[in-house]
C-alpha atoms as a PDB file:
ATOM      1  CA  UNK A   1      64.143 131.765 109.818  1.00  0.00           C
ATOM      2  CA  UNK A   2      66.604 132.758 111.939  1.00  0.00           C
ATOM      3  CA  UNK A   3      70.497 131.117 111.730  1.00  0.00           C
ATOM      4  CA  UNK A   4      72.579 130.211 113.618  1.00  0.00           C
ATOM      5  CA  UNK A   5      75.973 128.515 113.719  1.00  0.00           C
ATOM      6  CA  UNK A   6      78.261 126.117 115.084  1.00  0.00           C
ATOM      7  CA  UNK A   7      81.384 126.455 116.694  1.00  0.00           C
ATOM      8  CA  UNK A   8      83.083 124.389 114.466  1.00  0.00           C
ATOM      9  CA  UNK A   9      80.609 125.539 111.576  1.00  0.00           C
ATOM     10  CA  UNK A  10      82.281 129.081 112.382  1.00  0.00           C
ATOM     11  CA  UNK A  11      85.544 127.213 112.503  1.00  0.00           C
ATOM     12  CA  UNK A  12      85.808 125.231 110.139  1.00  0.00           C
ATOM     13  CA  UNK A  13      83.553 126.277 106.992  1.00  0.00           C
ATOM     14  CA  UNK A  14      83.158 130.063 107.974  1.00  0.00           C
ATOM     15  CA  UNK A  15      87.301 131.187 108.868  1.00  0.00           C
ATOM     16  CA  UNK A  16      88.958 128.322 107.096  1.00  0.00           C
ATOM     17  CA  UNK A  17      86.822 126.338 104.021  1.00  0.00           C
ATOM     18  CA  UNK A  18      86.194 130.540 103.078  1.00  0.00           C
ATOM     19  CA  UNK A  19      82.815 130.023 102.623  1.00  0.00           C
ATOM     20  CA  UNK A  20      81.105 133.491 103.131  1.00  0.00           C
ATOM     21  CA  UNK A  21      77.639 133.320 105.683  1.00  0.00           C
ATOM     22  CA  UNK A  22      76.043 135.091 102.973  1.00  0.00           C
ATOM     23  CA  UNK A  23      76.052 132.217 100.843  1.00  0.00           C
ATOM     24  CA  UNK A  24      76.058 129.645 103.337  1.00  0.00           C
ATOM     25  CA  UNK A  25      72.499 131.917 103.969  1.00  0.00           C
ATOM     26  CA  UNK A  26      71.095 132.149 100.505  1.00  0.00           C
ATOM     27  CA  UNK A  27      72.002 128.300 100.516  1.00  0.00           C
ATOM     28  CA  UNK A  28      69.496 128.213 103.285  1.00  0.00           C
ATOM     29  CA  UNK A  29      67.050 129.706 102.130  1.00  0.00           C
ATOM     30  CA  UNK A  30      66.598 129.035  97.966  1.00  0.00           C
ATOM     31  CA  UNK A  31      68.300 126.342  98.242  1.00  0.00           C
ATOM     32  CA  UNK A  32      68.194 124.418  95.068  1.00  0.00           C
ATOM     33  CA  UNK A  33      68.134 120.613  96.452  1.00  0.00           C
ATOM     34  CA  UNK A  34      67.528 119.609 100.272  1.00  0.00           C
ATOM     35  CA  UNK A  35      68.512 116.135 101.169  1.00  0.00           C
ATOM     36  CA  UNK A  36      67.444 114.049 104.133  1.00  0.00           C
ATOM     37  CA  UNK A  37      71.478 113.763 106.256  1.00  0.00           C
ATOM     38  CA  UNK A  38      72.024 111.430 109.066  1.00  0.00           C
ATOM     39  CA  UNK A  39      71.159 111.953 113.339  1.00  0.00           C
ATOM     40  CA  UNK A  40      67.831 113.499 110.995  1.00  0.00           C
ATOM     41  CA  UNK A  41      70.279 116.406 110.256  1.00  0.00           C
ATOM     42  CA  UNK A  42      69.210 118.126 106.575  1.00  0.00           C
ATOM     43  CA  UNK A  43      71.707 119.454 103.739  1.00  0.00           C
ATOM     44  CA  UNK A  44      71.135 122.009 101.488  1.00  0.00           C
ATOM     45  CA  UNK A  45      72.438 121.797  97.935  1.00  0.00           C
ATOM     46  CA  UNK A  46      73.092 124.697  95.843  1.00  0.00           C
ATOM     47  CA  UNK A  47      75.132 125.352  93.029  1.00  0.00           C
ATOM     48  CA  UNK A  48      77.755 127.501  92.782  1.00  0.00           C
ATOM     49  CA  UNK A  49      80.395 128.761  90.189  1.00  0.00           C
ATOM     50  CA  UNK A  50      80.349 125.675  88.662  1.00  0.00           C
ATOM     51  CA  UNK A  51      80.450 123.498  93.034  1.00  0.00           C
ATOM     52  CA  UNK A  52      78.282 122.559  94.829  1.00  0.00           C
ATOM     53  CA  UNK A  53      77.920 123.609  98.082  1.00  0.00           C
ATOM     54  CA  UNK A  54      76.412 121.878 100.637  1.00  0.00           C
ATOM     55  CA  UNK A  55      75.009 123.008 104.202  1.00  0.00           C
ATOM     56  CA  UNK A  56      74.714 120.137 106.615  1.00  0.00           C
ATOM     57  CA  UNK A  57      72.651 121.656 109.039  1.00  0.00           C
ATOM     58  CA  UNK A  58      69.525 121.501 112.138  1.00  0.00           C
ATOM     59  CA  UNK A  59      66.483 122.815 112.236  1.00  0.00           C
ATOM     60  CA  UNK A  60      64.807 123.457 115.681  1.00  0.00           C
ATOM     61  CA  UNK A  61      61.583 126.334 116.661  1.00  0.00           C
ATOM     62  CA  UNK A  62      61.676 128.527 113.351  1.00  0.00           C
ATOM     63  CA  UNK A  63      66.458 128.330 113.775  1.00  0.00           C
ATOM     64  CA  UNK A  64      68.451 126.347 111.622  1.00  0.00           C
ATOM     65  CA  UNK A  65      71.858 125.377 112.471  1.00  0.00           C
ATOM     66  CA  UNK A  66      74.378 125.446 111.050  1.00  0.00           C
ATOM     67  CA  UNK A  67      76.904 122.308 111.408  1.00  0.00           C
ATOM     68  CA  UNK A  68      79.748 122.754 108.646  1.00  0.00           C
ATOM     69  CA  UNK A  69      79.270 124.043 104.978  1.00  0.00           C
ATOM     70  CA  UNK A  70      81.392 123.214 102.234  1.00  0.00           C
ATOM     71  CA  UNK A  71      81.510 123.148  98.064  1.00  0.00           C
ATOM     72  CA  UNK A  72      82.666 119.794  96.110  1.00  0.00           C
ATOM     73  CA  UNK A  73      81.649 118.938  93.023  1.00  0.00           C
ATOM     74  CA  UNK A  74      78.067 117.987  91.873  1.00  0.00           C
ATOM     75  CA  UNK A  75      78.594 114.765  90.046  1.00  0.00           C
ATOM     76  CA  UNK A  76      78.916 113.269  92.279  1.00  0.00           C
ATOM     77  CA  UNK A  77      75.827 114.065  93.873  1.00  0.00           C
ATOM     78  CA  UNK A  78      72.959 114.574  90.935  1.00  0.00           C
ATOM     79  CA  UNK A  79      71.094 111.536  89.718  1.00  0.00           C
ATOM     80  CA  UNK A  80      72.467 109.406  86.996  1.00  0.00           C
END
């Protein structure tokens, strides 16, 4: 699958948050879990160094379009 980034993802996830494209792409291609998001989007989860990386994306004709990505606490999204 091809991977493209929205301008928002480039600015906020990659530049401001310092999340490398390599890590984002690994989460998309080898997620620990995938959840349904809003507006038909999906959210790939990947545990990275004790933090949960969430990559919000859309699928469009063999292309992942990254909307945003961020780290959060794993406990926030694990089943209790």
